[in-house]
N, C-alpha and C. Protein backbone atom coordinates (compact mmCIF):
# COMPACT_ATOMS: atom_id res chain seq x y z
N MET A 1 39.87 42.74 31.62
CA MET A 1 39.56 43.10 30.50
C MET A 1 39.05 41.99 29.29
N LEU A 2 38.17 42.47 28.41
CA LEU A 2 37.40 41.37 27.79
C LEU A 2 38.30 40.80 26.18
N SER A 3 38.22 39.59 26.04
CA SER A 3 39.02 38.98 25.38
C SER A 3 38.34 39.41 23.74
N THR A 4 38.98 39.38 22.91
CA THR A 4 38.60 40.00 21.65
C THR A 4 37.47 38.97 20.81
N THR A 5 37.43 37.41 21.37
CA THR A 5 36.22 36.96 21.27
C THR A 5 35.10 37.31 21.62
N ILE A 6 35.28 37.52 22.96
CA ILE A 6 33.91 38.10 23.72
C ILE A 6 33.37 39.21 22.84
N LEU A 7 34.26 40.14 22.66
CA LEU A 7 33.72 41.33 22.05
C LEU A 7 33.34 41.25 20.77
N ILE A 8 33.81 40.28 19.14
CA ILE A 8 33.29 39.96 18.65
C ILE A 8 31.48 39.53 18.91
N SER A 9 31.68 38.35 19.60
CA SER A 9 30.44 37.99 19.99
C SER A 9 29.18 38.86 20.76
N ILE A 10 29.66 40.09 21.42
CA ILE A 10 28.71 41.07 21.93
C ILE A 10 28.03 41.93 20.57
N LEU A 11 29.38 42.25 20.06
CA LEU A 11 28.77 43.49 18.63
C LEU A 11 28.08 42.42 17.80
N THR A 12 28.55 40.86 17.09
CA THR A 12 27.28 40.37 16.48
C THR A 12 25.84 40.24 16.96
N THR A 13 25.61 39.95 18.57
CA THR A 13 24.61 39.89 19.14
C THR A 13 23.87 41.13 18.68
N LEU A 14 24.20 42.17 19.04
CA LEU A 14 23.90 43.52 19.00
C LEU A 14 23.54 43.65 17.62
N THR A 15 24.71 43.57 16.45
CA THR A 15 24.42 44.45 15.28
C THR A 15 22.72 42.75 14.79
N ALA A 16 22.96 42.06 15.00
CA ALA A 16 21.59 41.07 14.90
C ALA A 16 20.43 41.45 15.20
N ALA A 17 20.35 42.33 16.01
CA ALA A 17 19.22 42.25 17.11
C ALA A 17 18.49 43.94 16.60
N VAL A 18 19.60 44.89 15.82
CA VAL A 18 19.63 46.10 15.48
C VAL A 18 18.90 45.71 14.02
N ALA A 19 19.33 44.89 13.25
CA ALA A 19 19.02 44.23 12.18
C ALA A 19 17.43 43.91 11.98
N VAL A 20 16.88 43.28 12.77
CA VAL A 20 15.63 42.65 12.14
C VAL A 20 14.30 43.98 12.51
N PRO A 21 13.66 44.14 11.12
CA PRO A 21 12.53 44.93 11.18
C PRO A 21 11.42 44.79 12.04
N ALA A 22 10.90 45.93 12.27
CA ALA A 22 9.87 46.10 13.08
C ALA A 22 8.49 45.63 12.54
N SER A 23 8.88 45.71 10.94
CA SER A 23 7.59 45.56 10.01
C SER A 23 7.81 44.67 8.90
N PRO A 24 7.08 44.29 8.21
CA PRO A 24 7.05 43.19 6.98
C PRO A 24 7.61 44.15 5.83
N ALA A 25 7.14 45.57 5.72
CA ALA A 25 7.29 46.23 4.84
C ALA A 25 8.59 46.77 4.56
N PRO A 26 9.18 47.31 3.38
CA PRO A 26 10.30 47.80 3.15
C PRO A 26 10.75 49.16 3.88
N LEU A 27 11.69 49.01 4.06
CA LEU A 27 11.91 50.66 5.03
C LEU A 27 11.70 51.59 4.49
N ALA A 28 11.80 51.86 2.92
CA ALA A 28 11.03 53.47 2.31
C ALA A 28 10.12 53.59 2.20
N VAL A 29 8.86 52.45 2.44
CA VAL A 29 7.60 53.14 2.93
C VAL A 29 6.98 53.02 3.84
N ARG A 30 8.09 52.49 5.07
CA ARG A 30 7.54 52.79 6.76
C ARG A 30 7.71 53.89 6.97
N ASP A 31 8.30 55.29 6.40
CA ASP A 31 8.09 56.56 6.89
C ASP A 31 6.73 56.97 6.97
N GLY A 32 5.75 56.48 6.00
CA GLY A 32 4.28 56.99 5.90
C GLY A 32 3.39 55.92 5.70
N GLU A 33 2.03 56.39 5.39
CA GLU A 33 1.18 55.72 4.77
C GLU A 33 1.66 54.74 3.99
N TYR A 34 1.12 53.15 4.17
CA TYR A 34 1.82 52.67 3.07
C TYR A 34 0.61 51.27 3.34
N ILE A 35 0.69 50.34 1.86
CA ILE A 35 -0.33 49.23 1.81
C ILE A 35 0.49 47.88 1.57
N TYR A 36 0.60 47.18 2.44
CA TYR A 36 1.74 45.86 2.27
C TYR A 36 0.69 44.56 1.82
N TRP A 37 0.83 43.91 0.98
CA TRP A 37 0.39 42.66 0.78
C TRP A 37 1.10 41.34 0.33
N LYS A 38 0.62 40.67 0.28
CA LYS A 38 1.35 39.12 0.07
C LYS A 38 0.22 38.40 -1.09
N TYR A 39 1.10 37.91 -1.86
CA TYR A 39 0.65 36.94 -3.22
C TYR A 39 0.55 35.58 -2.78
N TYR A 40 -0.73 34.71 -3.44
CA TYR A 40 -1.04 33.73 -2.94
C TYR A 40 -1.39 32.97 -4.47
N GLY A 41 -0.99 31.81 -4.89
CA GLY A 41 -1.38 30.90 -6.18
C GLY A 41 -2.60 30.90 -6.25
N ASP A 42 -3.63 30.69 -5.50
CA ASP A 42 -4.80 30.24 -5.93
C ASP A 42 -5.81 31.34 -5.33
N GLY A 43 -6.89 31.20 -6.38
CA GLY A 43 -7.85 32.17 -5.63
C GLY A 43 -8.37 32.84 -4.82
N GLY A 44 -7.97 32.32 -3.55
CA GLY A 44 -8.69 32.77 -2.15
C GLY A 44 -7.86 32.85 -1.06
N CYS A 45 -6.23 32.82 -1.23
CA CYS A 45 -5.40 33.65 -0.11
C CYS A 45 -4.99 32.71 0.43
N HIS A 46 -5.48 31.44 0.33
CA HIS A 46 -4.87 29.81 0.91
C HIS A 46 -3.51 29.40 0.80
N GLY A 47 -2.83 28.57 1.46
CA GLY A 47 -1.57 27.98 1.30
C GLY A 47 -0.89 28.79 1.70
N ASN A 48 0.30 28.78 1.13
CA ASN A 48 1.72 29.37 1.58
C ASN A 48 1.86 30.57 0.40
N TRP A 49 2.06 31.74 1.22
CA TRP A 49 2.33 32.67 -0.08
C TRP A 49 3.50 32.54 -0.77
N ILE A 50 3.54 33.32 -2.00
CA ILE A 50 4.49 33.39 -3.04
C ILE A 50 5.43 34.30 -3.07
N ASP A 51 4.74 35.59 -2.46
CA ASP A 51 5.82 36.95 -2.79
C ASP A 51 4.96 38.04 -2.12
N ASP A 52 5.60 39.20 -1.75
CA ASP A 52 4.54 39.73 -1.15
C ASP A 52 5.09 41.45 -1.84
N ASN A 53 4.47 42.39 -1.40
CA ASN A 53 4.85 43.80 -2.06
C ASN A 53 3.97 45.18 -1.33
N ALA A 54 4.75 46.29 -1.47
CA ALA A 54 3.98 47.50 -0.75
C ALA A 54 4.54 48.67 -1.44
N ILE A 55 3.26 49.43 -1.48
CA ILE A 55 3.60 50.75 -1.90
C ILE A 55 3.01 52.01 -0.79
N GLY A 56 3.95 52.68 -1.09
CA GLY A 56 3.96 54.23 0.08
C GLY A 56 3.22 55.23 -0.66
N GLN A 57 1.99 55.84 0.02
CA GLN A 57 1.03 56.83 -0.44
C GLN A 57 1.84 57.93 -0.84
N PHE A 58 2.65 58.21 0.21
CA PHE A 58 3.34 59.67 0.38
C PHE A 58 4.40 59.78 -1.12
N GLY A 59 4.07 60.94 -2.11
CA GLY A 59 4.76 61.22 -3.09
C GLY A 59 4.73 60.18 -4.19
N THR A 60 3.55 59.11 -4.37
CA THR A 60 3.43 58.29 -5.37
C THR A 60 2.01 58.73 -6.15
N THR A 61 2.38 59.39 -7.11
CA THR A 61 1.65 59.81 -8.16
C THR A 61 1.06 58.84 -9.47
N GLY A 62 -0.35 58.84 -10.05
CA GLY A 62 0.06 58.14 -11.61
C GLY A 62 -0.30 56.71 -11.23
N CYS A 63 -0.07 56.26 -11.97
CA CYS A 63 -0.45 54.35 -12.72
C CYS A 63 0.97 54.18 -12.09
N VAL A 64 0.79 53.20 -11.30
CA VAL A 64 2.21 52.24 -10.33
C VAL A 64 2.60 51.07 -11.10
N PRO A 65 3.06 50.61 -12.11
CA PRO A 65 3.69 49.44 -12.37
C PRO A 65 4.03 48.44 -11.45
N ILE A 66 3.40 47.73 -11.61
CA ILE A 66 3.67 46.21 -10.24
C ILE A 66 4.47 45.01 -11.48
N THR A 67 5.55 44.33 -10.97
CA THR A 67 5.95 43.50 -11.66
C THR A 67 5.12 42.29 -11.46
N PRO A 68 4.75 41.52 -12.76
CA PRO A 68 3.67 40.33 -11.86
C PRO A 68 4.72 39.10 -11.62
N ILE A 69 3.88 38.73 -10.81
CA ILE A 69 4.69 37.61 -9.82
C ILE A 69 3.73 36.13 -10.78
N THR A 70 4.45 35.31 -11.26
CA THR A 70 4.29 34.06 -11.76
C THR A 70 3.28 33.29 -10.88
N GLY A 71 2.12 32.62 -10.96
CA GLY A 71 1.29 31.79 -10.72
C GLY A 71 0.48 32.79 -9.36
N ALA A 72 0.44 33.82 -9.15
CA ALA A 72 -0.13 34.34 -8.16
C ALA A 72 -1.66 34.55 -8.97
N ASN A 73 -2.68 34.72 -8.14
CA ASN A 73 -4.02 34.58 -8.75
C ASN A 73 -5.06 35.28 -7.69
N SER A 74 -4.15 35.62 -6.07
CA SER A 74 -4.81 36.53 -5.26
C SER A 74 -3.58 37.33 -4.24
N PHE A 75 -4.33 38.21 -3.65
CA PHE A 75 -3.47 38.74 -2.58
C PHE A 75 -4.26 39.11 -1.38
N PHE A 76 -3.26 39.09 -0.60
CA PHE A 76 -4.01 39.87 0.82
C PHE A 76 -3.54 40.85 1.49
N VAL A 77 -4.40 41.89 1.45
CA VAL A 77 -3.29 43.05 2.35
C VAL A 77 -3.45 42.66 3.59
N GLU A 78 -2.15 42.77 4.01
CA GLU A 78 -2.07 42.72 5.39
C GLU A 78 -2.01 43.91 6.10
N HIS A 79 -1.48 45.01 5.83
CA HIS A 79 -1.26 46.45 6.41
C HIS A 79 -1.86 47.33 5.43
N ASN A 80 -2.46 48.06 6.14
CA ASN A 80 -3.11 49.37 5.15
C ASN A 80 -3.86 50.17 6.09
N ASP A 81 -2.07 51.45 6.23
CA ASP A 81 -2.99 52.70 6.60
C ASP A 81 -2.75 54.19 6.10
N LEU A 82 -3.32 53.50 4.35
CA LEU A 82 -3.59 54.91 3.95
C LEU A 82 -4.87 55.67 4.35
N THR A 83 -5.03 56.92 3.41
CA THR A 83 -5.56 57.75 3.49
C THR A 83 -6.73 57.66 2.46
N LYS A 84 -6.11 57.63 1.24
CA LYS A 84 -6.93 57.52 0.08
C LYS A 84 -7.03 55.88 -0.38
N LYS A 85 -8.25 55.34 -1.17
CA LYS A 85 -8.07 53.94 -1.71
C LYS A 85 -7.19 54.24 -2.60
N ILE A 86 -7.09 52.76 -3.04
CA ILE A 86 -6.53 52.54 -3.80
C ILE A 86 -6.75 51.52 -5.27
N ARG A 87 -6.63 51.41 -5.98
CA ARG A 87 -7.05 50.37 -7.22
C ARG A 87 -5.94 49.58 -7.52
N PHE A 88 -6.17 48.43 -7.46
CA PHE A 88 -5.22 47.30 -8.25
C PHE A 88 -6.03 46.78 -9.53
N TYR A 89 -5.09 46.64 -10.42
CA TYR A 89 -5.76 46.63 -11.90
C TYR A 89 -4.89 45.20 -12.30
N SER A 90 -5.58 44.49 -13.21
CA SER A 90 -4.99 43.18 -13.95
C SER A 90 -4.14 43.19 -14.99
N GLN A 91 -4.22 45.16 -15.49
CA GLN A 91 -3.44 44.78 -16.67
C GLN A 91 -2.27 46.24 -16.74
N PRO A 92 -1.23 46.30 -17.22
CA PRO A 92 -0.78 47.44 -17.12
C PRO A 92 -1.11 48.55 -17.34
N GLY A 93 -0.45 49.68 -16.82
CA GLY A 93 -1.27 50.99 -17.54
C GLY A 93 -2.20 50.98 -17.01
N CYS A 94 -2.85 50.72 -15.52
CA CYS A 94 -3.86 51.22 -14.82
C CYS A 94 -5.13 50.59 -15.79
N THR A 95 -5.14 49.58 -16.39
CA THR A 95 -6.41 49.21 -17.63
C THR A 95 -6.69 47.27 -17.08
N GLY A 96 -8.09 47.20 -17.44
CA GLY A 96 -8.34 45.99 -17.01
C GLY A 96 -9.27 46.08 -16.16
N ASN A 97 -9.60 44.91 -15.37
CA ASN A 97 -10.26 44.87 -14.43
C ASN A 97 -9.48 45.23 -13.27
N TYR A 98 -10.14 45.70 -12.57
CA TYR A 98 -9.63 46.26 -10.87
C TYR A 98 -10.55 45.81 -9.75
N VAL A 99 -9.50 45.90 -8.72
CA VAL A 99 -10.69 45.62 -7.15
C VAL A 99 -9.74 47.33 -6.69
N GLU A 100 -10.98 47.57 -5.82
CA GLU A 100 -10.70 48.90 -5.22
C GLU A 100 -10.60 48.25 -3.61
N VAL A 101 -9.60 48.98 -2.81
CA VAL A 101 -9.04 48.72 -1.78
C VAL A 101 -9.72 49.59 -0.84
N PRO A 102 -10.59 50.12 -0.05
CA PRO A 102 -10.66 51.31 0.70
C PRO A 102 -9.52 51.45 1.81
N ALA A 103 -9.40 53.02 2.39
CA ALA A 103 -8.39 53.24 2.91
C ALA A 103 -8.79 52.30 4.48
N GLY A 104 -7.45 51.79 4.73
CA GLY A 104 -7.66 51.11 6.43
C GLY A 104 -8.07 49.97 6.19
N THR A 105 -9.06 49.42 4.92
CA THR A 105 -9.33 47.93 5.14
C THR A 105 -7.78 46.97 4.67
N THR A 106 -8.48 45.89 5.25
CA THR A 106 -7.31 44.60 4.71
C THR A 106 -8.21 43.29 4.61
N GLY A 107 -7.57 42.45 3.97
CA GLY A 107 -8.59 41.35 3.45
C GLY A 107 -8.10 40.64 2.01
N CYS A 108 -8.50 39.76 1.55
CA CYS A 108 -8.64 38.93 0.46
C CYS A 108 -9.26 39.47 -1.19
N TYR A 109 -8.45 39.48 -1.97
CA TYR A 109 -8.82 39.86 -3.10
C TYR A 109 -8.57 38.68 -4.28
N ALA A 110 -9.12 38.43 -4.80
CA ALA A 110 -9.42 37.72 -5.64
C ALA A 110 -8.72 38.04 -7.11
N GLN A 111 -7.53 38.54 -7.71
CA GLN A 111 -7.02 39.14 -8.91
C GLN A 111 -5.75 39.14 -8.80
N ILE A 112 -5.07 38.94 -10.26
CA ILE A 112 -4.10 39.00 -10.68
C ILE A 112 -3.78 40.71 -10.72
N VAL A 113 -2.24 41.14 -10.23
CA VAL A 113 -1.76 42.50 -10.05
C VAL A 113 -0.98 42.61 -11.16
N ARG A 114 -1.15 43.76 -11.94
CA ARG A 114 -0.28 44.24 -12.56
C ARG A 114 0.21 45.64 -12.84
N SER A 115 -0.66 46.47 -12.08
CA SER A 115 -0.64 48.17 -12.16
C SER A 115 -1.52 48.75 -10.93
N ALA A 116 -1.59 49.70 -10.14
CA ALA A 116 -1.91 50.26 -8.84
C ALA A 116 -2.05 51.44 -9.20
N GLN A 117 -3.06 52.38 -8.69
CA GLN A 117 -3.66 53.69 -8.29
C GLN A 117 -4.15 54.31 -7.63
N PHE A 118 -3.88 55.45 -6.48
CA PHE A 118 -4.43 55.98 -5.70
C PHE A 118 -5.59 56.83 -6.47
N VAL A 119 -6.89 56.68 -5.80
CA VAL A 119 -7.73 57.25 -6.31
C VAL A 119 -9.20 58.15 -5.19
């Protein structure tokens, strides 16, 4: 018969293995098409990333507000399996300058992100 210590050790190991996500995006957006990006402090996606974000395409309509990240001047799209293009705007309410990210593409964009909208 196994001791209590061994059983706890086995359960801890199994729980840790199950808790590791297979993708960097939040669980809520992994169920469908989503875009995942990382924020960088410089204008060219260099150095250490300072934060990240993701938006799922399914059920998302209209302008999506995005909390601004202090010090972020560029973002790098790491995952994009969208079926629509998306615009990232420099101002709230989907106004101001924008960059358009085509469906399925990744790469660096030199812009502050405060809102987004599928087009």
